[in-house]
Amino acid sequence: MKNTIIFDLDGLLINSEMISYQIYHDLIKKYKQHISIEKYIHDYSGKTETDNMQILIDEYSLPISVKDALSFVALKEKEYFKKGVDLKQGARELLSYLKKSQYKILLASSSTMERAVSILSQNGIGAFFDYMVFGTEVKKGKPYPDIFIKACEYAKEPPKNCLVLEDSEAGIQAAYSAGIDVICIPDMKTPSEKFRKMVAAELSSLKDVISWLEKNRYSMKSF
C-alpha cells in the first residue's frame, strides 16, 4: 500500500522553471551568447544547479568558475523571487488531502535547503512536509536515483510503499532507477516515449493526483 508521497519542487510544486531559464539566459548573455528555451528544457531542466553550471561553463566556454556562476544564479534568483513564485495548480489542495489522509509527505529536490525552505515558507506550505532531502546531500543528482533512495531512508519506508511526483525526464529516470512508482505532471516539456513508459501515470495537474490515489492506492505494484 502506498503511504508515502515524495514531491519534486521546481516545475512540480512551483512555477519556477521559466525563472530558471531566464537566469541562465541572463548569465550567458553577459558573454554575448544565447541559450534557447528548448535547449534549457532538454539539457538543464530537473538537474542540480552545480552540475548545470559546470555544463554551462564547459559548453559555452564561460571565463568564470562554478562558484562564480552559482553566486550569480543565487543573486538573480533572489531578485526574481522577491516578486513571489506561484504554486502550481492543485498543490495546496493535494498537500491538504495527503495530510488529512495521513500519508507521509516528503520533498526531494535538487535545490539547496535554504532556497527550498524559503520558497515553501513564502507560500505557507512548509509545515506539510515530514522530511526533506536536497541535492547537496547526495553524491549524484537526478537522473541518478540517490535522492529518492535517501528519501525512502528518511521516511523509513521501502520503495514499494512510496510514490514520486515529478515533472522532468531526469526526475522520472531517477525515481524509476530507485524502484519507486512515479507519476508525471509535465511542466515545460512532455516526456518522450522512453520516459512515458517508466511512469505509472501522466496527469495534467497535481489536483488530479487525489482522484488517482483514491482509485489506485491499494492496487499499485512497484517496478
N, C-alpha and C. Protein backbone atom coordinates (compact mmCIF):
# COMPACT_ATOMS: atom_id res chain seq x y z
N MET A 1 0.83 -1.21 0.00
CA MET A 1 0.00 0.00 0.00
C MET A 1 0.86 1.25 0.00
N LYS A 2 0.49 2.21 -0.82
CA LYS A 2 1.23 3.46 -0.87
C LYS A 2 0.86 4.33 0.35
N ASN A 3 1.89 4.68 1.13
CA ASN A 3 1.64 5.54 2.30
C ASN A 3 2.58 6.74 2.35
N THR A 4 3.42 6.89 1.33
CA THR A 4 4.43 7.95 1.32
C THR A 4 4.48 8.60 -0.06
N ILE A 5 4.33 9.92 -0.08
CA ILE A 5 4.38 10.66 -1.34
C ILE A 5 5.60 11.58 -1.32
N ILE A 6 6.40 11.48 -2.38
CA ILE A 6 7.64 12.25 -2.49
C ILE A 6 7.50 13.27 -3.62
N PHE A 7 7.61 14.55 -3.27
CA PHE A 7 7.44 15.63 -4.23
C PHE A 7 8.78 16.16 -4.72
N ASP A 8 8.84 16.44 -6.00
CA ASP A 8 9.87 17.33 -6.54
C ASP A 8 9.43 18.76 -6.22
N LEU A 9 10.29 19.73 -6.44
CA LEU A 9 9.95 21.13 -6.16
C LEU A 9 9.77 21.94 -7.44
N ASP A 10 10.85 22.21 -8.13
CA ASP A 10 10.81 23.11 -9.29
C ASP A 10 10.08 22.49 -10.46
N GLY A 11 9.08 23.20 -10.96
CA GLY A 11 8.30 22.72 -12.08
C GLY A 11 7.20 21.76 -11.69
N LEU A 12 7.22 21.29 -10.47
CA LEU A 12 6.21 20.35 -9.97
C LEU A 12 5.32 21.02 -8.93
N LEU A 13 5.93 21.56 -7.91
CA LEU A 13 5.19 22.28 -6.87
C LEU A 13 5.11 23.77 -7.15
N ILE A 14 6.13 24.32 -7.76
CA ILE A 14 6.18 25.76 -8.00
C ILE A 14 6.48 26.08 -9.46
N ASN A 15 6.00 27.24 -9.90
CA ASN A 15 6.21 27.71 -11.26
C ASN A 15 7.56 28.44 -11.36
N SER A 16 8.64 27.69 -11.31
CA SER A 16 9.97 28.30 -11.26
C SER A 16 10.82 28.06 -12.48
N GLU A 17 10.43 27.13 -13.34
CA GLU A 17 11.30 26.76 -14.45
C GLU A 17 11.54 27.91 -15.43
N MET A 18 10.52 28.71 -15.68
CA MET A 18 10.71 29.83 -16.59
C MET A 18 11.67 30.87 -15.99
N ILE A 19 11.60 31.02 -14.66
CA ILE A 19 12.53 31.93 -13.99
C ILE A 19 13.95 31.40 -14.12
N SER A 20 14.13 30.10 -13.94
CA SER A 20 15.45 29.50 -14.05
C SER A 20 16.02 29.68 -15.45
N TYR A 21 15.17 29.48 -16.45
CA TYR A 21 15.63 29.70 -17.82
C TYR A 21 16.08 31.14 -18.03
N GLN A 22 15.32 32.09 -17.51
CA GLN A 22 15.67 33.49 -17.69
C GLN A 22 17.00 33.82 -17.04
N ILE A 23 17.26 33.21 -15.87
CA ILE A 23 18.53 33.44 -15.17
C ILE A 23 19.71 32.88 -15.98
N TYR A 24 19.54 31.67 -16.52
CA TYR A 24 20.60 31.08 -17.35
C TYR A 24 20.85 31.97 -18.57
N HIS A 25 19.77 32.46 -19.14
CA HIS A 25 19.86 33.36 -20.29
C HIS A 25 20.62 34.63 -19.91
N ASP A 26 20.30 35.19 -18.74
CA ASP A 26 20.98 36.41 -18.27
C ASP A 26 22.47 36.18 -18.09
N LEU A 27 22.81 34.99 -17.58
CA LEU A 27 24.22 34.69 -17.31
C LEU A 27 25.04 34.65 -18.59
N ILE A 28 24.61 33.86 -19.56
CA ILE A 28 25.44 33.72 -20.75
C ILE A 28 25.32 34.94 -21.68
N LYS A 29 24.26 35.72 -21.50
CA LYS A 29 24.13 36.96 -22.28
C LYS A 29 25.25 37.93 -21.94
N LYS A 30 25.74 37.86 -20.69
CA LYS A 30 26.87 38.70 -20.29
C LYS A 30 28.09 38.46 -21.16
N TYR A 31 28.15 37.26 -21.73
CA TYR A 31 29.30 36.89 -22.56
C TYR A 31 28.89 36.79 -24.04
N LYS A 32 27.84 37.56 -24.37
CA LYS A 32 27.39 37.71 -25.76
C LYS A 32 27.01 36.38 -26.42
N GLN A 33 26.37 35.52 -25.63
CA GLN A 33 25.89 34.25 -26.15
C GLN A 33 24.41 34.09 -25.80
N HIS A 34 23.81 33.04 -26.35
CA HIS A 34 22.37 32.85 -26.19
C HIS A 34 22.07 31.38 -25.94
N ILE A 35 21.08 31.13 -25.08
CA ILE A 35 20.57 29.78 -24.87
C ILE A 35 19.07 29.79 -25.14
N SER A 36 18.62 28.90 -25.96
CA SER A 36 17.19 28.83 -26.29
C SER A 36 16.44 28.11 -25.17
N ILE A 37 15.16 28.39 -25.09
CA ILE A 37 14.36 27.71 -24.06
C ILE A 37 14.29 26.21 -24.33
N GLU A 38 14.31 25.84 -25.61
CA GLU A 38 14.28 24.42 -25.97
C GLU A 38 15.52 23.70 -25.45
N LYS A 39 16.67 24.35 -25.58
CA LYS A 39 17.91 23.75 -25.10
C LYS A 39 17.91 23.67 -23.57
N TYR A 40 17.40 24.72 -22.91
CA TYR A 40 17.32 24.68 -21.45
C TYR A 40 16.48 23.50 -21.00
N ILE A 41 15.33 23.34 -21.61
CA ILE A 41 14.42 22.25 -21.24
C ILE A 41 15.09 20.90 -21.44
N HIS A 42 15.77 20.74 -22.58
CA HIS A 42 16.35 19.44 -22.91
C HIS A 42 17.57 19.09 -22.07
N ASP A 43 18.44 20.08 -21.80
CA ASP A 43 19.74 19.80 -21.19
C ASP A 43 19.87 20.14 -19.71
N TYR A 44 18.99 21.01 -19.20
CA TYR A 44 19.21 21.53 -17.85
C TYR A 44 18.05 21.32 -16.87
N SER A 45 16.86 21.23 -17.38
CA SER A 45 15.69 21.12 -16.51
C SER A 45 15.74 19.87 -15.64
N GLY A 46 15.51 20.05 -14.32
CA GLY A 46 15.42 18.92 -13.41
C GLY A 46 16.73 18.44 -12.84
N LYS A 47 17.85 19.11 -13.17
CA LYS A 47 19.16 18.67 -12.67
C LYS A 47 19.68 19.64 -11.61
N THR A 48 20.73 19.24 -10.91
CA THR A 48 21.25 20.08 -9.84
C THR A 48 21.90 21.33 -10.41
N GLU A 49 21.84 22.42 -9.63
CA GLU A 49 22.41 23.68 -10.07
C GLU A 49 23.92 23.58 -10.28
N THR A 50 24.59 22.88 -9.39
CA THR A 50 26.04 22.75 -9.50
C THR A 50 26.42 22.03 -10.79
N ASP A 51 25.75 20.92 -11.07
CA ASP A 51 26.02 20.18 -12.32
C ASP A 51 25.71 21.06 -13.53
N ASN A 52 24.59 21.77 -13.46
CA ASN A 52 24.20 22.62 -14.58
C ASN A 52 25.22 23.72 -14.86
N MET A 53 25.75 24.32 -13.81
CA MET A 53 26.71 25.40 -14.00
C MET A 53 28.00 24.88 -14.64
N GLN A 54 28.42 23.69 -14.24
CA GLN A 54 29.63 23.12 -14.85
C GLN A 54 29.40 22.84 -16.33
N ILE A 55 28.22 22.29 -16.65
CA ILE A 55 27.89 22.01 -18.05
C ILE A 55 27.82 23.31 -18.85
N LEU A 56 27.17 24.32 -18.26
CA LEU A 56 27.01 25.61 -18.94
C LEU A 56 28.36 26.26 -19.23
N ILE A 57 29.22 26.24 -18.23
CA ILE A 57 30.56 26.83 -18.38
C ILE A 57 31.35 26.11 -19.46
N ASP A 58 31.29 24.78 -19.44
CA ASP A 58 32.03 24.00 -20.44
C ASP A 58 31.48 24.19 -21.84
N GLU A 59 30.17 24.14 -21.96
CA GLU A 59 29.55 24.20 -23.29
C GLU A 59 29.70 25.57 -23.94
N TYR A 60 29.63 26.62 -23.13
CA TYR A 60 29.70 27.97 -23.69
C TYR A 60 31.05 28.65 -23.44
N SER A 61 32.00 27.87 -22.93
CA SER A 61 33.36 28.38 -22.67
C SER A 61 33.34 29.69 -21.89
N LEU A 62 32.57 29.70 -20.80
CA LEU A 62 32.45 30.90 -19.99
C LEU A 62 33.70 31.07 -19.13
N PRO A 63 34.27 32.28 -19.06
CA PRO A 63 35.52 32.53 -18.31
C PRO A 63 35.27 32.76 -16.82
N ILE A 64 34.49 31.89 -16.20
CA ILE A 64 34.15 32.02 -14.78
C ILE A 64 34.21 30.64 -14.12
N SER A 65 34.25 30.64 -12.80
CA SER A 65 34.24 29.38 -12.05
C SER A 65 32.81 28.97 -11.74
N VAL A 66 32.65 27.73 -11.35
CA VAL A 66 31.33 27.24 -10.93
C VAL A 66 30.83 28.06 -9.75
N LYS A 67 31.74 28.39 -8.83
CA LYS A 67 31.37 29.19 -7.66
C LYS A 67 30.83 30.56 -8.08
N ASP A 68 31.50 31.19 -9.05
CA ASP A 68 31.04 32.48 -9.54
C ASP A 68 29.67 32.37 -10.20
N ALA A 69 29.49 31.32 -10.98
CA ALA A 69 28.22 31.11 -11.67
C ALA A 69 27.09 30.88 -10.68
N LEU A 70 27.35 30.08 -9.66
CA LEU A 70 26.34 29.81 -8.64
C LEU A 70 25.97 31.07 -7.88
N SER A 71 26.95 31.91 -7.61
CA SER A 71 26.70 33.18 -6.92
C SER A 71 25.80 34.08 -7.78
N PHE A 72 26.07 34.13 -9.08
CA PHE A 72 25.25 34.92 -9.99
C PHE A 72 23.82 34.41 -9.99
N VAL A 73 23.65 33.08 -10.09
CA VAL A 73 22.32 32.47 -10.11
C VAL A 73 21.55 32.78 -8.83
N ALA A 74 22.23 32.63 -7.69
CA ALA A 74 21.59 32.87 -6.40
C ALA A 74 21.13 34.32 -6.26
N LEU A 75 21.97 35.25 -6.69
CA LEU A 75 21.63 36.67 -6.60
C LEU A 75 20.47 37.02 -7.52
N LYS A 76 20.53 36.55 -8.75
CA LYS A 76 19.48 36.84 -9.71
C LYS A 76 18.15 36.21 -9.28
N GLU A 77 18.23 35.00 -8.75
CA GLU A 77 17.01 34.32 -8.35
C GLU A 77 16.31 35.08 -7.22
N LYS A 78 17.09 35.60 -6.28
CA LYS A 78 16.51 36.38 -5.19
C LYS A 78 15.78 37.60 -5.73
N GLU A 79 16.35 38.21 -6.77
CA GLU A 79 15.71 39.37 -7.39
C GLU A 79 14.37 38.98 -8.02
N TYR A 80 14.37 37.87 -8.73
CA TYR A 80 13.13 37.41 -9.37
C TYR A 80 12.11 36.96 -8.32
N PHE A 81 12.59 36.25 -7.30
CA PHE A 81 11.68 35.68 -6.31
C PHE A 81 11.10 36.71 -5.35
N LYS A 82 11.69 37.91 -5.30
CA LYS A 82 11.13 38.97 -4.47
C LYS A 82 9.70 39.28 -4.90
N LYS A 83 9.44 39.04 -6.16
CA LYS A 83 8.09 39.26 -6.70
C LYS A 83 7.16 38.09 -6.38
N GLY A 84 7.75 37.02 -5.84
CA GLY A 84 6.97 35.83 -5.49
C GLY A 84 7.01 34.78 -6.58
N VAL A 85 6.90 33.54 -6.19
CA VAL A 85 6.84 32.43 -7.14
C VAL A 85 5.59 31.62 -6.79
N ASP A 86 4.73 31.42 -7.77
CA ASP A 86 3.43 30.80 -7.53
C ASP A 86 3.52 29.29 -7.39
N LEU A 87 2.59 28.73 -6.61
CA LEU A 87 2.42 27.29 -6.56
C LEU A 87 1.75 26.82 -7.83
N LYS A 88 2.02 25.58 -8.20
CA LYS A 88 1.33 25.00 -9.35
C LYS A 88 -0.12 24.68 -8.97
N GLN A 89 -0.95 24.59 -9.99
CA GLN A 89 -2.37 24.32 -9.79
C GLN A 89 -2.58 23.02 -9.00
N GLY A 90 -3.38 23.11 -7.96
CA GLY A 90 -3.74 21.93 -7.17
C GLY A 90 -2.75 21.57 -6.08
N ALA A 91 -1.65 22.30 -5.94
CA ALA A 91 -0.61 21.93 -4.97
C ALA A 91 -1.13 21.97 -3.54
N ARG A 92 -1.73 23.08 -3.16
CA ARG A 92 -2.19 23.21 -1.78
C ARG A 92 -3.32 22.21 -1.47
N GLU A 93 -4.18 22.02 -2.44
CA GLU A 93 -5.29 21.09 -2.27
C GLU A 93 -4.78 19.66 -2.07
N LEU A 94 -3.79 19.26 -2.87
CA LEU A 94 -3.23 17.91 -2.75
C LEU A 94 -2.51 17.73 -1.42
N LEU A 95 -1.71 18.70 -1.02
CA LEU A 95 -0.99 18.60 0.25
C LEU A 95 -1.96 18.48 1.42
N SER A 96 -3.04 19.22 1.40
CA SER A 96 -4.05 19.16 2.46
C SER A 96 -4.70 17.78 2.49
N TYR A 97 -5.01 17.26 1.33
CA TYR A 97 -5.61 15.93 1.24
C TYR A 97 -4.67 14.86 1.80
N LEU A 98 -3.40 14.93 1.42
CA LEU A 98 -2.43 13.94 1.88
C LEU A 98 -2.24 13.99 3.39
N LYS A 99 -2.20 15.19 3.94
CA LYS A 99 -2.03 15.35 5.38
C LYS A 99 -3.23 14.77 6.12
N LYS A 100 -4.43 15.08 5.65
CA LYS A 100 -5.65 14.58 6.30
C LYS A 100 -5.77 13.07 6.17
N SER A 101 -5.21 12.53 5.08
CA SER A 101 -5.27 11.09 4.84
C SER A 101 -4.10 10.34 5.47
N GLN A 102 -3.27 11.07 6.20
CA GLN A 102 -2.16 10.52 6.99
C GLN A 102 -1.07 9.86 6.14
N TYR A 103 -0.85 10.39 4.95
CA TYR A 103 0.32 9.98 4.18
C TYR A 103 1.56 10.65 4.77
N LYS A 104 2.70 10.00 4.63
CA LYS A 104 3.96 10.68 4.87
C LYS A 104 4.26 11.54 3.64
N ILE A 105 4.69 12.77 3.87
CA ILE A 105 4.91 13.71 2.77
C ILE A 105 6.37 14.17 2.80
N LEU A 106 7.06 13.95 1.69
CA LEU A 106 8.47 14.32 1.61
C LEU A 106 8.74 15.22 0.41
N LEU A 107 9.78 16.00 0.53
CA LEU A 107 10.31 16.79 -0.58
C LEU A 107 11.66 16.21 -0.95
N ALA A 108 11.89 15.97 -2.24
CA ALA A 108 13.19 15.51 -2.72
C ALA A 108 13.56 16.40 -3.88
N SER A 109 14.37 17.40 -3.60
CA SER A 109 14.65 18.45 -4.58
C SER A 109 16.14 18.62 -4.82
N SER A 110 16.48 18.93 -6.06
CA SER A 110 17.87 19.26 -6.40
C SER A 110 18.27 20.61 -5.83
N SER A 111 17.32 21.36 -5.31
CA SER A 111 17.56 22.67 -4.74
C SER A 111 18.38 22.57 -3.45
N THR A 112 18.89 23.72 -2.99
CA THR A 112 19.53 23.79 -1.68
C THR A 112 18.45 23.90 -0.61
N MET A 113 18.79 23.56 0.62
CA MET A 113 17.82 23.62 1.71
C MET A 113 17.33 25.05 1.94
N GLU A 114 18.25 26.00 1.98
CA GLU A 114 17.88 27.39 2.25
C GLU A 114 16.87 27.91 1.23
N ARG A 115 17.15 27.65 -0.03
CA ARG A 115 16.26 28.11 -1.11
C ARG A 115 14.89 27.45 -1.02
N ALA A 116 14.88 26.13 -0.87
CA ALA A 116 13.62 25.39 -0.84
C ALA A 116 12.75 25.80 0.35
N VAL A 117 13.35 25.87 1.52
CA VAL A 117 12.59 26.23 2.72
C VAL A 117 12.02 27.64 2.60
N SER A 118 12.80 28.54 2.02
CA SER A 118 12.34 29.91 1.82
C SER A 118 11.11 29.95 0.91
N ILE A 119 11.16 29.19 -0.17
CA ILE A 119 10.04 29.16 -1.13
C ILE A 119 8.80 28.54 -0.48
N LEU A 120 8.99 27.44 0.23
CA LEU A 120 7.86 26.78 0.88
C LEU A 120 7.23 27.68 1.94
N SER A 121 8.08 28.36 2.71
CA SER A 121 7.59 29.27 3.76
C SER A 121 6.85 30.45 3.14
N GLN A 122 7.39 30.97 2.06
CA GLN A 122 6.77 32.10 1.36
C GLN A 122 5.34 31.76 0.94
N ASN A 123 5.12 30.50 0.59
CA ASN A 123 3.80 30.05 0.15
C ASN A 123 2.99 29.38 1.26
N GLY A 124 3.55 29.32 2.47
CA GLY A 124 2.82 28.78 3.60
C GLY A 124 2.56 27.29 3.55
N ILE A 125 3.46 26.51 2.95
CA ILE A 125 3.24 25.07 2.85
C ILE A 125 4.35 24.24 3.47
N GLY A 126 5.32 24.89 4.10
CA GLY A 126 6.44 24.15 4.68
C GLY A 126 6.03 23.12 5.72
N ALA A 127 5.00 23.42 6.49
CA ALA A 127 4.58 22.54 7.58
C ALA A 127 3.97 21.23 7.09
N PHE A 128 3.61 21.14 5.84
CA PHE A 128 3.02 19.90 5.32
C PHE A 128 4.05 18.78 5.23
N PHE A 129 5.33 19.12 5.14
CA PHE A 129 6.35 18.11 4.85
C PHE A 129 6.93 17.50 6.12
N ASP A 130 6.98 16.17 6.12
CA ASP A 130 7.54 15.44 7.26
C ASP A 130 9.06 15.39 7.18
N TYR A 131 9.58 15.26 5.98
CA TYR A 131 11.02 15.20 5.77
C TYR A 131 11.35 15.90 4.45
N MET A 132 12.59 16.37 4.35
CA MET A 132 13.08 16.97 3.12
C MET A 132 14.50 16.49 2.86
N VAL A 133 14.79 16.24 1.59
CA VAL A 133 16.15 15.85 1.20
C VAL A 133 16.53 16.68 -0.03
N PHE A 134 17.80 17.12 -0.06
CA PHE A 134 18.23 18.08 -1.07
C PHE A 134 19.43 17.55 -1.85
N GLY A 135 19.66 18.17 -3.00
CA GLY A 135 20.73 17.73 -3.88
C GLY A 135 22.10 17.74 -3.24
N THR A 136 22.30 18.62 -2.27
CA THR A 136 23.60 18.71 -1.60
C THR A 136 23.88 17.52 -0.68
N GLU A 137 22.87 16.69 -0.43
CA GLU A 137 23.02 15.57 0.49
C GLU A 137 23.40 14.27 -0.21
N VAL A 138 23.45 14.28 -1.53
CA VAL A 138 23.77 13.06 -2.27
C VAL A 138 24.94 13.31 -3.22
N LYS A 139 25.65 12.24 -3.56
CA LYS A 139 26.82 12.37 -4.43
C LYS A 139 26.42 12.65 -5.87
N LYS A 140 25.35 12.02 -6.32
CA LYS A 140 24.91 12.18 -7.70
C LYS A 140 23.46 12.64 -7.72
N GLY A 141 23.22 13.71 -8.48
CA GLY A 141 21.86 14.23 -8.60
C GLY A 141 21.06 13.49 -9.66
N LYS A 142 19.82 13.90 -9.84
CA LYS A 142 18.98 13.32 -10.89
C LYS A 142 19.69 13.52 -12.23
N PRO A 143 19.68 12.51 -13.10
CA PRO A 143 18.79 11.35 -13.17
C PRO A 143 19.24 10.13 -12.37
N TYR A 144 20.27 10.25 -11.56
CA TYR A 144 20.66 9.14 -10.69
C TYR A 144 19.65 9.00 -9.55
N PRO A 145 19.47 7.80 -9.00
CA PRO A 145 18.40 7.56 -8.03
C PRO A 145 18.71 7.98 -6.60
N ASP A 146 19.91 8.49 -6.35
CA ASP A 146 20.37 8.71 -4.98
C ASP A 146 19.39 9.50 -4.10
N ILE A 147 18.83 10.57 -4.64
CA ILE A 147 17.99 11.45 -3.81
C ILE A 147 16.70 10.76 -3.39
N PHE A 148 16.17 9.89 -4.24
CA PHE A 148 14.93 9.19 -3.89
C PHE A 148 15.21 8.01 -2.95
N ILE A 149 16.36 7.40 -3.12
CA ILE A 149 16.76 6.36 -2.17
C ILE A 149 16.92 6.96 -0.78
N LYS A 150 17.54 8.14 -0.72
CA LYS A 150 17.70 8.85 0.55
C LYS A 150 16.35 9.22 1.14
N ALA A 151 15.40 9.63 0.30
CA ALA A 151 14.07 9.99 0.78
C ALA A 151 13.38 8.78 1.42
N CYS A 152 13.52 7.61 0.82
CA CYS A 152 12.95 6.39 1.41
C CYS A 152 13.58 6.10 2.77
N GLU A 153 14.88 6.34 2.87
CA GLU A 153 15.57 6.12 4.15
C GLU A 153 15.03 7.07 5.21
N TYR A 154 14.83 8.34 4.85
CA TYR A 154 14.28 9.31 5.78
C TYR A 154 12.89 8.91 6.24
N ALA A 155 12.08 8.42 5.32
CA ALA A 155 10.70 8.04 5.63
C ALA A 155 10.62 6.70 6.35
N LYS A 156 11.74 5.95 6.33
CA LYS A 156 11.77 4.60 6.89
C LYS A 156 10.72 3.71 6.21
N GLU A 157 10.66 3.84 4.89
CA GLU A 157 9.72 3.06 4.09
C GLU A 157 10.46 2.44 2.91
N PRO A 158 10.07 1.22 2.50
CA PRO A 158 10.66 0.62 1.30
C PRO A 158 10.11 1.32 0.05
N PRO A 159 10.82 1.24 -1.05
CA PRO A 159 10.34 1.88 -2.29
C PRO A 159 8.92 1.50 -2.68
N LYS A 160 8.51 0.26 -2.43
CA LYS A 160 7.17 -0.18 -2.84
C LYS A 160 6.06 0.58 -2.13
N ASN A 161 6.35 1.20 -0.98
CA ASN A 161 5.34 1.97 -0.25
C ASN A 161 5.30 3.44 -0.67
N CYS A 162 6.21 3.83 -1.56
CA CYS A 162 6.36 5.24 -1.91
C CYS A 162 5.87 5.53 -3.32
N LEU A 163 5.55 6.79 -3.54
CA LEU A 163 5.14 7.28 -4.85
C LEU A 163 5.79 8.63 -5.08
N VAL A 164 6.47 8.79 -6.20
CA VAL A 164 7.14 10.04 -6.54
C VAL A 164 6.27 10.85 -7.51
N LEU A 165 6.22 12.15 -7.29
CA LEU A 165 5.56 13.07 -8.22
C LEU A 165 6.65 13.92 -8.87
N GLU A 166 6.75 13.87 -10.18
CA GLU A 166 7.82 14.53 -10.92
C GLU A 166 7.30 15.20 -12.19
N ASP A 167 8.06 16.17 -12.70
CA ASP A 167 7.70 16.79 -13.97
C ASP A 167 8.74 16.55 -15.05
N SER A 168 9.98 16.26 -14.68
CA SER A 168 11.06 16.20 -15.66
C SER A 168 11.47 14.76 -15.99
N GLU A 169 12.10 14.61 -17.15
CA GLU A 169 12.61 13.30 -17.54
C GLU A 169 13.70 12.83 -16.60
N ALA A 170 14.55 13.76 -16.15
CA ALA A 170 15.61 13.39 -15.21
C ALA A 170 15.02 12.85 -13.90
N GLY A 171 13.96 13.48 -13.45
CA GLY A 171 13.30 13.03 -12.22
C GLY A 171 12.61 11.70 -12.39
N ILE A 172 11.99 11.50 -13.55
CA ILE A 172 11.34 10.22 -13.84
C ILE A 172 12.37 9.10 -13.84
N GLN A 173 13.49 9.33 -14.52
CA GLN A 173 14.55 8.33 -14.57
C GLN A 173 15.08 8.01 -13.18
N ALA A 174 15.25 9.04 -12.36
CA ALA A 174 15.77 8.84 -11.01
C ALA A 174 14.84 7.99 -10.17
N ALA A 175 13.55 8.28 -10.23
CA ALA A 175 12.57 7.51 -9.46
C ALA A 175 12.50 6.07 -9.96
N TYR A 176 12.47 5.92 -11.27
CA TYR A 176 12.39 4.58 -11.87
C TYR A 176 13.60 3.74 -11.48
N SER A 177 14.79 4.36 -11.52
CA SER A 177 16.02 3.65 -11.16
C SER A 177 16.05 3.28 -9.68
N ALA A 178 15.33 4.06 -8.86
CA ALA A 178 15.25 3.77 -7.43
C ALA A 178 14.21 2.71 -7.12
N GLY A 179 13.47 2.27 -8.14
CA GLY A 179 12.44 1.26 -7.94
C GLY A 179 11.17 1.80 -7.32
N ILE A 180 10.91 3.09 -7.53
CA ILE A 180 9.74 3.74 -6.95
C ILE A 180 8.76 4.11 -8.06
N ASP A 181 7.49 3.80 -7.88
CA ASP A 181 6.48 4.21 -8.83
C ASP A 181 6.46 5.73 -8.93
N VAL A 182 6.24 6.25 -10.13
CA VAL A 182 6.30 7.70 -10.35
C VAL A 182 5.15 8.16 -11.22
N ILE A 183 4.55 9.27 -10.84
CA ILE A 183 3.55 9.96 -11.65
C ILE A 183 4.18 11.21 -12.22
N CYS A 184 3.97 11.45 -13.48
CA CYS A 184 4.49 12.64 -14.14
C CYS A 184 3.38 13.67 -14.33
N ILE A 185 3.65 14.90 -13.88
CA ILE A 185 2.80 16.04 -14.19
C ILE A 185 3.68 17.00 -14.98
N PRO A 186 3.64 16.94 -16.30
CA PRO A 186 4.58 17.72 -17.13
C PRO A 186 4.47 19.22 -16.88
N ASP A 187 5.61 19.88 -16.99
CA ASP A 187 5.65 21.34 -16.85
C ASP A 187 5.96 21.96 -18.21
N MET A 188 7.22 22.24 -18.48
CA MET A 188 7.60 22.88 -19.73
C MET A 188 7.74 21.87 -20.87
N LYS A 189 7.90 20.61 -20.52
CA LYS A 189 8.17 19.60 -21.54
C LYS A 189 7.41 18.31 -21.25
N THR A 190 6.75 17.79 -22.26
CA THR A 190 6.12 16.48 -22.15
C THR A 190 7.20 15.43 -22.33
N PRO A 191 7.27 14.44 -21.45
CA PRO A 191 8.35 13.45 -21.57
C PRO A 191 8.25 12.65 -22.87
N SER A 192 9.39 12.22 -23.36
CA SER A 192 9.43 11.40 -24.57
C SER A 192 8.86 10.01 -24.26
N GLU A 193 8.63 9.26 -25.32
CA GLU A 193 8.01 7.95 -25.16
C GLU A 193 8.86 7.04 -24.26
N LYS A 194 10.16 7.16 -24.35
CA LYS A 194 11.04 6.36 -23.49
C LYS A 194 10.70 6.54 -22.02
N PHE A 195 10.49 7.78 -21.61
CA PHE A 195 10.23 8.07 -20.20
C PHE A 195 8.77 7.85 -19.83
N ARG A 196 7.88 8.01 -20.79
CA ARG A 196 6.46 7.77 -20.52
C ARG A 196 6.21 6.30 -20.18
N LYS A 197 7.07 5.43 -20.70
CA LYS A 197 6.94 4.01 -20.39
C LYS A 197 7.36 3.70 -18.96
N MET A 198 8.06 4.62 -18.33
CA MET A 198 8.54 4.41 -16.96
C MET A 198 7.52 4.85 -15.90
N VAL A 199 6.50 5.61 -16.28
CA VAL A 199 5.61 6.20 -15.29
C VAL A 199 4.36 5.35 -15.06
N ALA A 200 3.81 5.48 -13.86
CA ALA A 200 2.56 4.81 -13.54
C ALA A 200 1.38 5.57 -14.13
N ALA A 201 1.56 6.89 -14.29
CA ALA A 201 0.51 7.72 -14.88
C ALA A 201 1.10 9.06 -15.29
N GLU A 202 0.46 9.71 -16.24
CA GLU A 202 0.79 11.08 -16.61
C GLU A 202 -0.48 11.90 -16.44
N LEU A 203 -0.45 12.87 -15.54
CA LEU A 203 -1.63 13.66 -15.21
C LEU A 203 -1.42 15.12 -15.57
N SER A 204 -2.51 15.85 -15.72
CA SER A 204 -2.42 17.23 -16.18
C SER A 204 -2.15 18.22 -15.05
N SER A 205 -2.48 17.86 -13.80
CA SER A 205 -2.24 18.77 -12.68
C SER A 205 -2.12 17.99 -11.38
N LEU A 206 -1.60 18.64 -10.36
CA LEU A 206 -1.48 18.00 -9.05
C LEU A 206 -2.85 17.66 -8.47
N LYS A 207 -3.84 18.45 -8.79
CA LYS A 207 -5.20 18.19 -8.30
C LYS A 207 -5.69 16.81 -8.73
N ASP A 208 -5.28 16.37 -9.92
CA ASP A 208 -5.71 15.07 -10.44
C ASP A 208 -5.13 13.90 -9.66
N VAL A 209 -4.07 14.16 -8.90
CA VAL A 209 -3.43 13.09 -8.13
C VAL A 209 -4.38 12.55 -7.06
N ILE A 210 -5.24 13.40 -6.53
CA ILE A 210 -6.16 12.98 -5.47
C ILE A 210 -7.06 11.85 -5.94
N SER A 211 -7.75 12.05 -7.04
CA SER A 211 -8.66 11.01 -7.54
C SER A 211 -7.88 9.78 -7.99
N TRP A 212 -6.66 10.01 -8.53
CA TRP A 212 -5.85 8.87 -8.94
C TRP A 212 -5.46 8.02 -7.73
N LEU A 213 -5.07 8.65 -6.65
CA LEU A 213 -4.70 7.92 -5.44
C LEU A 213 -5.88 7.15 -4.86
N GLU A 214 -7.04 7.76 -4.85
CA GLU A 214 -8.22 7.10 -4.30
C GLU A 214 -8.58 5.85 -5.10
N LYS A 215 -8.28 5.89 -6.37
CA LYS A 215 -8.57 4.75 -7.23
C LYS A 215 -7.50 3.68 -7.17
N ASN A 216 -6.23 4.08 -6.97
CA ASN A 216 -5.11 3.15 -7.13
C ASN A 216 -4.29 2.87 -5.88
N ARG A 217 -4.62 3.47 -4.76
CA ARG A 217 -3.77 3.37 -3.58
C ARG A 217 -3.45 1.94 -3.18
N TYR A 218 -4.40 1.05 -3.31
CA TYR A 218 -4.19 -0.32 -2.84
C TYR A 218 -3.80 -1.29 -3.95
N SER A 219 -3.86 -0.85 -5.20
CA SER A 219 -3.59 -1.75 -6.31
C SER A 219 -2.25 -1.57 -6.97
N MET A 220 -1.50 -0.54 -6.54
CA MET A 220 -0.21 -0.24 -7.17
C MET A 220 0.81 -1.34 -6.93
N LYS A 221 1.61 -1.57 -7.93
CA LYS A 221 2.74 -2.50 -7.81
C LYS A 221 4.00 -1.78 -8.23
N SER A 222 5.05 -1.96 -7.48
CA SER A 222 6.32 -1.31 -7.81
C SER A 222 6.97 -2.02 -8.99
N PHE A 223 7.94 -1.35 -9.59
CA PHE A 223 8.67 -1.92 -10.73
C PHE A 223 9.50 -3.09 -10.24
